[in-house]
Protein backbone atom coordinates (compact mmCIF):
# COMPACT_ATOMS: atom_id res chain seq x y z
CA THR A 1 -5.18 -21.57 9.17
CA LEU A 2 -4.48 -18.05 7.90
CA ALA A 3 -1.27 -17.89 9.95
CA GLY A 4 -0.18 -21.14 8.32
CA GLN A 5 -0.91 -19.71 4.85
CA VAL A 6 1.26 -16.69 5.65
CA ASP A 7 4.08 -18.89 6.91
CA ARG A 8 3.94 -21.13 3.85
CA ALA A 9 3.90 -18.11 1.55
CA ILE A 10 7.08 -16.79 3.19
CA ARG A 11 8.82 -20.15 2.81
CA ARG A 12 7.73 -20.36 -0.86
CA ARG A 13 9.43 -17.12 -1.80
CA SER A 14 12.78 -18.72 -2.60
CA SER A 15 11.26 -21.05 -5.21
CA ASP A 16 8.14 -19.35 -6.60
CA SER A 17 8.44 -16.55 -9.13
CA VAL A 18 5.31 -14.75 -7.86
CA PRO A 19 4.72 -15.62 -4.20
CA SER A 20 1.16 -15.04 -3.07
CA MET A 21 -1.75 -16.38 -1.06
CA THR A 22 -5.46 -15.75 -1.11
CA GLY A 23 -5.97 -12.00 -1.11
CA VAL A 24 -2.25 -11.17 -0.85
CA THR A 25 0.08 -10.39 -3.75
CA VAL A 26 3.83 -9.95 -3.42
CA VAL A 27 4.93 -7.93 -6.45
CA ASP A 28 7.90 -9.87 -7.78
CA HIS A 29 9.87 -7.64 -10.15
CA PRO A 30 13.62 -6.90 -10.39
CA LEU A 31 13.08 -3.14 -10.07
CA VAL A 32 10.89 -3.58 -7.00
CA ALA A 33 13.54 -5.82 -5.42
CA ARG A 34 16.29 -3.30 -6.21
CA HIS A 35 14.41 -0.33 -4.77
CA LEU A 36 13.49 -2.34 -1.68
CA SER A 37 17.13 -3.24 -1.05
CA VAL A 38 18.14 0.43 -1.12
CA LEU A 39 15.25 1.33 1.19
CA ARG A 40 16.28 -1.34 3.70
CA ASP A 41 19.88 -0.06 3.82
CA LYS A 42 20.40 2.06 6.92
CA ALA A 43 23.01 4.11 5.05
CA THR A 44 20.43 5.40 2.54
CA PRO A 45 19.89 9.14 3.21
CA SER A 46 16.39 10.59 3.57
CA SER A 47 16.55 12.32 0.18
CA ASP A 48 17.23 9.04 -1.62
CA PHE A 49 14.79 7.17 0.61
CA ARG A 50 11.97 9.51 -0.43
CA ARG A 51 12.79 9.21 -4.12
CA ARG A 52 13.06 5.44 -4.02
CA LEU A 53 9.84 5.13 -2.04
CA SER A 54 8.04 7.21 -4.66
CA ASP A 55 9.42 5.03 -7.45
CA ILE A 56 8.60 1.70 -5.80
CA SER A 57 5.14 2.98 -4.86
CA MET A 58 4.43 3.65 -8.52
CA LEU A 59 5.45 0.08 -9.40
CA LEU A 60 3.35 -1.42 -6.61
CA LEU A 61 0.32 0.65 -7.54
CA PHE A 62 0.72 -0.29 -11.20
CA GLU A 63 0.30 -3.94 -10.22
CA SER A 64 -2.44 -3.36 -7.67
CA LEU A 65 -4.57 -1.42 -10.18
CA ARG A 66 -4.28 -3.97 -12.95
CA ASP A 67 -8.02 -4.74 -12.79
CA LEU A 68 -9.30 -1.16 -13.01
CA ARG A 69 -12.44 -0.81 -15.08
CA VAL A 70 -12.20 1.22 -18.29
CA ARG A 71 -14.61 2.58 -20.89
CA GLU A 72 -14.15 3.06 -24.59
CA ASP A 73 -13.85 6.58 -25.94
CA ALA A 74 -13.09 8.29 -29.24
CA ILE A 75 -9.69 10.00 -29.43
CA GLU A 76 -8.67 12.62 -31.98
CA THR A 77 -5.06 12.11 -32.99
CA PRO A 78 -3.32 14.77 -35.14
CA LEU A 79 -4.27 12.63 -38.14
CA GLU A 80 -7.61 10.93 -37.49
CA THR A 81 -10.16 9.64 -35.02
CA THR A 82 -9.34 6.37 -33.27
CA GLY A 83 -10.58 4.30 -30.38
CA GLY A 84 -9.16 4.75 -26.90
CA MET A 85 -9.77 3.92 -23.26
CA ARG A 86 -10.52 6.06 -20.24
CA LEU A 87 -10.86 5.07 -16.60
CA ALA A 88 -14.45 4.21 -15.80
CA ASP A 89 -14.33 4.94 -12.08
CA GLU A 90 -13.12 7.65 -9.75
CA ILE A 91 -9.88 6.79 -7.94
CA VAL A 92 -9.18 7.91 -4.39
CA VAL A 93 -5.85 7.35 -2.67
CA ILE A 94 -5.96 7.40 1.13
CA ALA A 95 -2.60 7.88 2.85
CA ILE A 96 -2.24 6.74 6.44
CA LEU A 97 -0.21 9.47 8.12
CA ARG A 98 2.49 10.13 8.38
CA ALA A 99 4.49 7.56 6.47
CA GLY A 100 1.77 7.11 3.84
CA LEU A 101 2.64 10.59 2.56
CA GLY A 102 5.79 9.06 1.09
CA MET A 103 3.69 6.97 -1.30
CA THR A 104 1.33 9.66 -2.59
CA ASP A 105 3.83 11.24 -4.98
CA GLY A 106 4.28 7.93 -6.79
CA ALA A 107 0.51 7.45 -6.84
CA LEU A 108 -0.09 10.85 -8.45
CA ARG A 109 2.68 10.33 -10.98
CA LEU A 110 0.87 7.17 -12.04
CA ILE A 111 -2.70 8.49 -11.75
CA PRO A 112 -2.65 12.31 -11.95
CA GLU A 113 -6.45 12.50 -11.78
CA ALA A 114 -6.65 10.62 -8.47
CA ARG A 115 -7.95 12.42 -5.40
CA VAL A 116 -5.96 12.12 -2.19
CA GLY A 117 -7.21 11.83 1.37
CA HIS A 118 -5.43 11.43 4.69
CA LEU A 119 -6.09 9.50 7.88
CA GLY A 120 -3.88 10.41 10.83
CA LEU A 121 -3.15 7.39 13.02
CA TYR A 122 -0.28 6.74 15.39
CA ARG A 123 0.57 3.61 17.32
CA ASP A 124 0.57 3.76 21.10
CA GLU A 125 4.01 2.42 22.02
CA GLU A 126 2.70 0.55 25.06
CA SER A 127 -0.55 -0.97 23.81
CA LEU A 128 0.56 -1.04 20.13
CA GLN A 129 -3.02 0.04 19.29
CA PRO A 130 -3.81 2.77 16.72
CA VAL A 131 -4.91 6.20 17.93
CA GLY A 132 -6.67 8.52 15.46
CA TYR A 133 -5.79 12.23 15.41
CA TYR A 134 -6.67 13.56 11.94
CA GLU A 135 -9.08 12.83 9.10
CA SER A 136 -9.49 14.37 5.66
CA VAL A 137 -11.32 12.16 3.17
CA PRO A 138 -12.36 13.86 -0.08
CA ARG A 139 -15.92 13.60 -1.29
CA HIS A 140 -16.18 10.85 -3.83
CA ALA A 141 -18.64 8.56 -5.55
CA ALA A 142 -19.87 5.71 -3.40
CA ASP A 143 -18.49 3.22 -5.94
CA ALA A 144 -15.05 4.83 -6.23
CA GLU A 145 -11.89 2.75 -6.39
CA VAL A 146 -10.18 3.38 -3.05
CA VAL A 147 -6.49 2.62 -2.51
CA VAL A 148 -5.15 2.80 1.04
CA VAL A 149 -1.38 3.28 1.23
CA ASP A 150 1.08 2.88 4.09
CA PRO A 151 4.70 1.70 3.71
CA MET A 152 4.51 -0.69 6.67
CA LEU A 153 1.90 -3.30 7.57
CA ALA A 154 3.13 -4.29 11.02
CA THR A 155 0.53 -5.24 13.65
CA GLY A 156 -2.23 -4.35 11.21
CA GLY A 157 -3.92 -2.06 13.72
CA SER A 158 -3.69 1.12 11.65
CA ALA A 159 -4.71 -0.63 8.44
CA VAL A 160 -7.74 -2.26 10.07
CA SER A 161 -8.75 1.03 11.73
CA ALA A 162 -8.44 2.93 8.43
CA LEU A 163 -10.48 0.35 6.54
CA ASP A 164 -13.12 0.32 9.30
CA ARG A 165 -13.46 4.08 8.95
CA LEU A 166 -13.61 4.11 5.16
CA LYS A 167 -16.20 1.37 4.93
CA ARG A 168 -18.67 3.61 6.73
CA ASP A 169 -19.28 5.53 3.49
CA VAL A 170 -17.52 3.62 0.72
CA THR A 171 -19.28 0.86 -1.19
CA GLY A 172 -16.78 0.55 -4.02
CA ARG A 173 -13.72 -1.63 -4.23
CA MET A 174 -10.82 -1.16 -1.83
CA ARG A 175 -7.25 -2.36 -1.82
CA PHE A 176 -4.35 -1.92 0.58
CA VAL A 177 -0.85 -1.25 -0.79
CA CYS A 178 2.26 -1.32 1.37
CA LEU A 179 5.97 -1.77 1.01
CA VAL A 180 6.77 -4.38 3.66
CA ALA A 181 4.29 -6.58 5.54
CA ALA A 182 4.60 -8.74 8.64
CA PRO A 183 2.68 -12.02 8.87
CA GLU A 184 0.85 -10.69 11.93
CA GLY A 185 -0.37 -7.62 10.07
CA ILE A 186 -1.52 -9.64 7.08
CA ALA A 187 -3.45 -11.98 9.36
CA ALA A 188 -5.15 -9.05 11.14
CA VAL A 189 -6.30 -7.40 7.90
CA ARG A 190 -7.42 -10.66 6.30
CA GLU A 191 -9.42 -11.60 9.39
CA ARG A 192 -11.23 -8.25 9.67
CA HIS A 193 -11.42 -7.30 5.98
CA PRO A 194 -11.13 -10.46 3.86
CA ASP A 195 -12.58 -8.60 0.87
CA VAL A 196 -9.67 -6.12 0.71
CA PRO A 197 -6.69 -7.39 -1.31
CA ILE A 198 -3.19 -6.62 -0.03
CA PHE A 199 -0.26 -5.76 -2.31
CA CYS A 200 3.32 -5.49 -1.04
CA ALA A 201 6.95 -5.73 -2.08
CA ALA A 202 7.89 -8.26 0.61
CA ILE A 203 6.51 -10.33 3.47
CA ASP A 204 9.10 -10.13 6.23
CA ARG A 205 9.84 -12.63 8.96
CA GLU A 206 8.07 -11.34 12.07
CA LEU A 207 7.37 -8.52 14.51
CA ASP A 208 9.71 -7.97 17.43
CA GLU A 209 8.64 -7.18 21.00
CA ARG A 210 8.30 -3.49 20.11
CA GLY A 211 6.04 -4.21 17.15
CA TYR A 212 8.73 -3.44 14.56
CA ILE A 213 8.92 -5.52 11.39
CA ARG A 214 12.03 -7.71 11.17
CA PRO A 215 14.20 -7.42 9.16
CA GLY A 216 12.16 -4.43 7.99
CA LEU A 217 13.65 -1.05 7.20
CA GLY A 218 13.22 0.85 10.46
CA ASP A 219 10.62 3.55 11.06
CA ALA A 220 9.48 4.59 7.58
CA GLY A 221 8.17 7.98 8.74
CA ASP A 222 11.43 8.85 10.45
CA ARG A 223 13.43 7.84 7.40
CA ILE A 224 11.20 9.78 5.00
CA PHE A 225 11.41 13.00 7.01
CA GLY A 226 14.89 12.64 8.52
CA THR A 227 13.65 12.53 12.13
CA GLU A 228 15.52 9.44 13.29
């Protein structure tokens, strides 16, 4: 079962250099691990949390965009004409508010030409279901490369809702990039959107009774904006 795959992937982490399962990639890199440790630390101030989140986001996006299509182009250097590469497709980054805002800076540092959209979703604390309150998706080509970003993949409700919405007018490739994922959230996304690959820095143990990822790093939005 998918839940069994998730559980086995978590147990494999101590022995495999690049833990993964079908459709899910855990980016295994010393710099990712170092940034993640600082982000988990409750003593990390908001200013450092924001900077580290931007840096780790850039590393995660670098890996998640490894298969971008490119086209050949002629480049004029100061000395001569040579061959070069340009991106073949439009790239759109969709941040799930509010915590996804913390990942857009890293995305734009990596891909300055990317367009950025926002989907406002919050989780009802009783039902744990996503509630939409804002939407701003830039116009883009139907076959654009769409990257949905949110630091936490907990229950998977917000991610599934965002992907449901985007698939109404997007026919291109999509991918979901997060910092920390819970097995429950991975299972929810894989069940509803098996065609969307997931990239993360870590698969954590579980969700608690409040829907928080354990061990996690707390509420990412609160830690980004200092509203704990």
